[in-house]
Amino acid sequence: MRDVNLELASALYDMSAVAGDSQRAWGYKRAAKAVLRIDRDITPLVTSNTFKAIAGIGPTTDRIARELILDGRCAFVERAVRESGKEQEIARLHNLRRQYLSRAAVKQIVARKGSPSRAKYRGDFQMHSIYSDGAETLESIINACIERGWSCAGMTDHSYGLSIAGGMSMERAIEQHAEIDALNRTYGGRFRMFKGIEANIRADGSIDMEQHEMRRFEYIVASPHSALRKSIDQTERMVAADSQRGVAILGGGAASGSNRN
């Protein structure tokens, strides 16, 4: 399956890497992110001349998209990369973007026969509340889940290691657990909230919580919130984190502004 949206986004990231000034580089990155967010194949949008109407898409992006779709390659981008003398750097960035999918490609996969439908979901196991950087109370989250037909959810507010996100102290976590216990009694038979936490993965793959602290939770979401822009392979770091007792989910990290996203 050809992922045209991803091909275009990759070409735009290439242009960002060889742009002569920061403003142009930022513009190409913004366009790339806009393309990755589009939930359908861009081909009919480009051929019908409606692609430029999408926010973040300018004349140059439209030109690159048209050339990519009609010719199967983009000589304009290839020439820009060649003239920049940054071929090796661009190749390295391509390697970091291997096996990524655009939103449109993901939606196509999910829509295939036999794929899980939204109606089959029973709950969400990575959620944040007012105990860290979320905006809702535990009870309001439960009610919203019930409205969606869900029967359970896992509360995974940030651990104390991520203070920038209002991470919970262990004392605060104990307070949250008491509230969860009370709510589970109130909603017994209709809904169950599990006691989780989102802990940070250190650079060496360890978790920024002590084992006796982790045992207080029913499960751990381990997420990398730092050292995300390094070019070295981080598979061992993620495997080490996922192998630790209590870790049930490997969370995603984000490097804002990185052309490796």
Protein backbone atom coordinates (compact mmCIF):
# COMPACT_ATOMS: atom_id res chain seq x y z
CA MET A 1 0.00 0.00 0.00
CA ARG A 2 1.49 3.30 -1.09
CA ASP A 3 1.33 6.01 1.56
CA VAL A 4 1.36 9.17 -0.57
CA ASN A 5 0.71 11.39 2.44
CA LEU A 6 3.81 10.07 4.17
CA GLU A 7 5.89 10.43 1.00
CA LEU A 8 4.87 14.08 0.73
CA ALA A 9 5.52 14.77 4.41
CA SER A 10 8.97 13.19 4.07
CA ALA A 11 9.73 15.39 1.06
CA LEU A 12 8.65 18.46 3.03
CA TYR A 13 10.88 17.48 5.94
CA ASP A 14 13.72 17.18 3.41
CA MET A 15 13.00 20.72 2.25
CA SER A 16 12.97 21.88 5.86
CA ALA A 17 16.41 20.37 6.41
CA VAL A 18 17.90 22.21 3.42
CA ALA A 19 16.00 25.49 3.78
CA GLY A 20 18.17 28.56 3.83
CA ASP A 21 16.51 30.24 6.80
CA SER A 22 14.58 29.25 9.91
CA GLN A 23 11.29 30.77 8.77
CA ARG A 24 11.20 28.69 5.59
CA ALA A 25 12.28 25.60 7.55
CA TRP A 26 9.44 26.14 10.01
CA GLY A 27 6.97 26.58 7.14
CA TYR A 28 7.94 23.26 5.58
CA LYS A 29 7.69 21.50 8.95
CA ARG A 30 4.25 22.97 9.53
CA ALA A 31 3.12 21.79 6.10
CA ALA A 32 4.52 18.30 6.74
CA LYS A 33 2.63 18.01 10.01
CA ALA A 34 -0.56 19.24 8.31
CA VAL A 35 -0.21 16.54 5.64
CA LEU A 36 0.34 13.79 8.22
CA ARG A 37 -2.86 14.86 10.01
CA ILE A 38 -5.06 14.59 6.90
CA ASP A 39 -7.31 11.56 7.33
CA ARG A 40 -7.64 10.60 3.65
CA ASP A 41 -5.37 10.10 0.64
CA ILE A 42 -4.35 13.49 -0.71
CA THR A 43 -4.33 12.35 -4.36
CA PRO A 44 -7.92 13.42 -5.21
CA LEU A 45 -7.41 16.68 -3.33
CA VAL A 46 -4.34 17.51 -5.39
CA THR A 47 -5.81 16.49 -8.75
CA SER A 48 -9.01 18.46 -8.06
CA ASN A 49 -7.04 21.60 -7.08
CA THR A 50 -8.54 21.67 -3.56
CA PHE A 51 -5.37 20.69 -1.70
CA LYS A 52 -4.28 24.33 -1.25
CA ALA A 53 -7.44 25.07 0.74
CA ILE A 54 -6.10 23.06 3.69
CA ALA A 55 -4.55 25.17 6.46
CA GLY A 56 -0.76 25.08 6.36
CA ILE A 57 -0.57 24.14 2.67
CA GLY A 58 1.05 26.76 0.44
CA PRO A 59 1.88 26.99 -3.29
CA THR A 60 5.26 25.27 -2.96
CA THR A 61 3.79 22.35 -1.03
CA ASP A 62 1.06 22.04 -3.65
CA ARG A 63 3.70 22.01 -6.39
CA ILE A 64 5.70 19.30 -4.63
CA ALA A 65 2.56 17.21 -4.05
CA ARG A 66 1.48 17.53 -7.67
CA GLU A 67 4.90 16.49 -8.97
CA LEU A 68 5.07 13.58 -6.53
CA ILE A 69 1.65 12.25 -7.51
CA LEU A 70 1.87 12.79 -11.27
CA ASP A 71 5.50 11.71 -11.73
CA GLY A 72 5.96 9.30 -8.83
CA ARG A 73 8.94 11.35 -7.62
CA CYS A 74 9.76 15.00 -6.98
CA ALA A 75 12.65 16.34 -9.02
CA PHE A 76 12.25 19.73 -7.33
CA VAL A 77 13.05 18.27 -3.90
CA GLU A 78 15.74 15.95 -5.23
CA ARG A 79 17.50 18.91 -6.85
CA ALA A 80 17.26 21.01 -3.68
CA VAL A 81 18.79 18.21 -1.61
CA ARG A 82 21.54 17.61 -4.15
CA GLU A 83 22.46 21.30 -4.39
CA SER A 84 22.50 21.64 -0.59
CA GLY A 85 25.29 19.09 -0.25
CA LYS A 86 23.37 17.47 2.62
CA GLU A 87 22.60 14.13 0.98
CA GLN A 88 24.12 12.11 3.82
CA GLU A 89 22.22 14.07 6.47
CA ILE A 90 18.95 13.64 4.56
CA ALA A 91 19.60 9.90 4.18
CA ARG A 92 20.17 9.65 7.93
CA LEU A 93 16.86 11.40 8.62
CA HIS A 94 15.09 9.07 6.17
CA ASN A 95 16.42 6.12 8.14
CA LEU A 96 14.95 7.54 11.35
CA ARG A 97 11.53 7.85 9.70
CA ARG A 98 11.35 4.24 8.48
CA GLN A 99 8.10 2.33 9.05
CA TYR A 100 6.10 5.42 9.99
CA LEU A 101 2.50 5.73 8.77
CA SER A 102 0.38 8.77 8.04
CA ARG A 103 -3.02 9.22 9.68
CA ALA A 104 -4.68 8.36 6.37
CA ALA A 105 -2.79 5.06 6.12
CA VAL A 106 -3.65 4.14 9.70
CA LYS A 107 -7.34 4.81 9.04
CA GLN A 108 -7.24 2.57 5.97
CA ILE A 109 -5.75 -0.26 8.03
CA VAL A 110 -8.27 0.16 10.85
CA ALA A 111 -11.15 0.18 8.34
CA ARG A 112 -10.24 -3.24 6.99
CA LYS A 113 -12.66 -6.09 7.65
CA GLY A 114 -11.91 -7.78 10.95
CA SER A 115 -10.21 -4.77 12.51
CA PRO A 116 -11.46 -3.63 15.94
CA SER A 117 -14.32 -1.15 15.74
CA ARG A 118 -14.89 1.72 18.14
CA ALA A 119 -18.02 -0.05 19.40
CA LYS A 120 -15.85 -2.91 20.71
CA TYR A 121 -13.77 -0.73 23.00
CA ARG A 122 -14.41 -1.28 26.70
CA GLY A 123 -12.16 1.45 28.08
CA ASP A 124 -9.05 3.61 27.90
CA PHE A 125 -5.99 2.73 29.97
CA GLN A 126 -3.95 5.90 29.65
CA MET A 127 -5.84 8.86 31.09
CA HIS A 128 -4.91 11.98 33.05
CA SER A 129 -7.03 13.84 35.60
CA ILE A 130 -6.70 16.97 37.70
CA TYR A 131 -4.27 15.00 39.86
CA SER A 132 -1.58 15.87 37.27
CA ASP A 133 -2.00 17.72 33.97
CA GLY A 134 -5.57 16.66 33.12
CA ALA A 135 -8.60 18.94 33.22
CA GLU A 136 -11.31 16.63 34.60
CA THR A 137 -12.12 15.08 37.97
CA LEU A 138 -12.16 11.31 38.38
CA GLU A 139 -15.94 11.16 38.60
CA SER A 140 -16.48 13.31 35.52
CA ILE A 141 -14.14 10.98 33.62
CA ILE A 142 -16.12 7.95 34.80
CA ASN A 143 -19.39 9.51 33.67
CA ALA A 144 -17.93 10.41 30.28
CA CYS A 145 -16.70 6.84 29.87
CA ILE A 146 -20.12 5.42 30.77
CA GLU A 147 -21.73 7.69 28.17
CA ARG A 148 -19.44 6.08 25.58
CA GLY A 149 -20.56 2.63 26.63
CA TRP A 150 -17.30 1.77 28.37
CA SER A 151 -17.12 -0.41 31.46
CA CYS A 152 -13.63 0.43 32.73
CA ALA A 153 -10.70 2.85 32.55
CA GLY A 154 -7.22 3.16 33.91
CA MET A 155 -6.14 6.39 35.58
CA THR A 156 -2.48 7.07 34.79
CA ASP A 157 -1.58 10.53 36.00
CA HIS A 158 2.08 11.51 35.73
CA SER A 159 4.49 10.38 38.42
CA TYR A 160 6.45 12.81 40.57
CA GLY A 161 9.45 12.51 38.24
CA LEU A 162 7.75 14.72 35.64
CA SER A 163 7.20 17.88 37.63
CA ILE A 164 6.65 19.96 34.48
CA ALA A 165 3.37 18.04 33.99
CA GLY A 166 2.31 18.39 37.62
CA GLY A 167 3.38 14.86 38.49
CA MET A 168 1.84 13.38 41.64
CA SER A 169 3.76 12.89 44.82
CA MET A 170 3.24 9.50 46.46
CA GLU A 171 1.15 11.21 49.13
CA ARG A 172 -1.08 12.62 46.41
CA ALA A 173 -1.28 9.20 44.75
CA ILE A 174 -2.53 7.67 48.01
CA GLU A 175 -5.26 10.33 48.11
CA GLN A 176 -6.20 9.48 44.53
CA HIS A 177 -6.38 5.77 45.34
CA ALA A 178 -8.76 6.44 48.20
CA GLU A 179 -11.00 8.44 45.86
CA ILE A 180 -10.86 5.68 43.24
CA ASP A 181 -11.84 3.08 45.86
CA ALA A 182 -14.83 5.19 46.88
CA LEU A 183 -15.91 5.73 43.26
CA ASN A 184 -15.58 2.03 42.46
CA ARG A 185 -17.92 1.28 45.35
CA THR A 186 -20.38 3.89 44.09
CA TYR A 187 -20.29 2.66 40.49
CA GLY A 188 -19.89 -1.04 41.34
CA GLY A 189 -21.41 -3.28 38.69
CA ARG A 190 -21.42 -0.50 36.11
CA PHE A 191 -17.85 0.73 35.98
CA ARG A 192 -14.39 -0.04 37.32
CA MET A 193 -11.47 2.42 37.47
CA PHE A 194 -7.98 0.91 37.75
CA LYS A 195 -5.09 2.52 39.63
CA GLY A 196 -2.25 3.20 37.24
CA ILE A 197 0.47 5.78 36.82
CA GLU A 198 2.56 7.11 33.95
CA ALA A 199 6.20 6.90 34.96
CA ASN A 200 9.16 8.34 33.09
CA ILE A 201 11.77 6.21 31.33
CA ARG A 202 15.27 7.41 32.11
CA ALA A 203 18.00 7.46 29.46
CA ASP A 204 19.31 4.09 30.68
CA GLY A 205 15.88 2.42 30.49
CA SER A 206 15.16 2.46 34.22
CA ILE A 207 11.92 3.85 35.65
CA ASP A 208 11.99 6.99 37.79
CA MET A 209 10.14 5.32 40.68
CA GLU A 210 11.20 2.94 43.42
CA GLN A 211 9.96 -0.66 43.27
CA HIS A 212 8.04 -0.35 46.52
CA GLU A 213 6.28 2.72 45.10
CA MET A 214 5.42 0.97 41.85
CA ARG A 215 3.82 -1.89 43.77
CA ARG A 216 1.13 0.49 45.04
CA PHE A 217 -0.32 0.66 41.52
CA GLU A 218 -2.23 -1.96 39.57
CA TYR A 219 -0.15 -1.26 36.49
CA ILE A 220 2.47 1.14 35.13
CA VAL A 221 2.60 3.04 31.85
CA ALA A 222 6.27 3.71 31.10
CA SER A 223 6.88 6.65 28.75
CA PRO A 224 10.02 8.37 27.43
CA HIS A 225 9.74 12.11 28.10
CA SER A 226 13.40 13.01 27.65
CA ALA A 227 16.41 12.23 25.41
CA LEU A 228 14.07 11.84 22.43
CA ARG A 229 16.07 13.65 19.76
CA LYS A 230 19.16 11.47 19.88
CA SER A 231 20.10 9.76 16.63
CA ILE A 232 21.22 6.55 18.36
CA ASP A 233 18.96 3.50 18.37
CA GLN A 234 16.88 3.44 21.56
CA THR A 235 15.41 -0.05 21.27
CA GLU A 236 17.38 -1.35 24.24
CA ARG A 237 16.17 1.57 26.35
CA MET A 238 12.52 0.79 25.56
CA VAL A 239 12.92 -2.97 26.01
CA ALA A 240 14.62 -2.44 29.38
CA ALA A 241 11.74 -0.26 30.55
CA ASP A 242 9.06 -2.63 29.27
CA SER A 243 10.77 -5.59 30.98
CA GLN A 244 10.49 -4.11 34.46
CA ARG A 245 8.01 -5.63 36.85
CA GLY A 246 4.70 -3.80 36.90
CA VAL A 247 5.09 -2.12 33.50
CA ALA A 248 2.10 -3.10 31.37
CA ILE A 249 2.08 -0.39 28.70
CA LEU A 250 4.85 1.36 26.80
CA GLY A 251 3.70 4.94 26.33
CA GLY A 252 4.63 7.26 23.50
CA GLY A 253 6.99 10.20 23.64
CA ALA A 254 6.98 13.39 21.59
CA ALA A 255 9.80 15.62 20.48
CA SER A 256 8.03 18.81 19.54
CA GLY A 257 9.42 20.46 16.46
CA SER A 258 11.67 17.57 15.51
CA ASN A 259 11.72 16.55 11.87
CA ARG A 260 12.03 12.98 13.05
CA ASN A 261 8.44 12.93 14.34
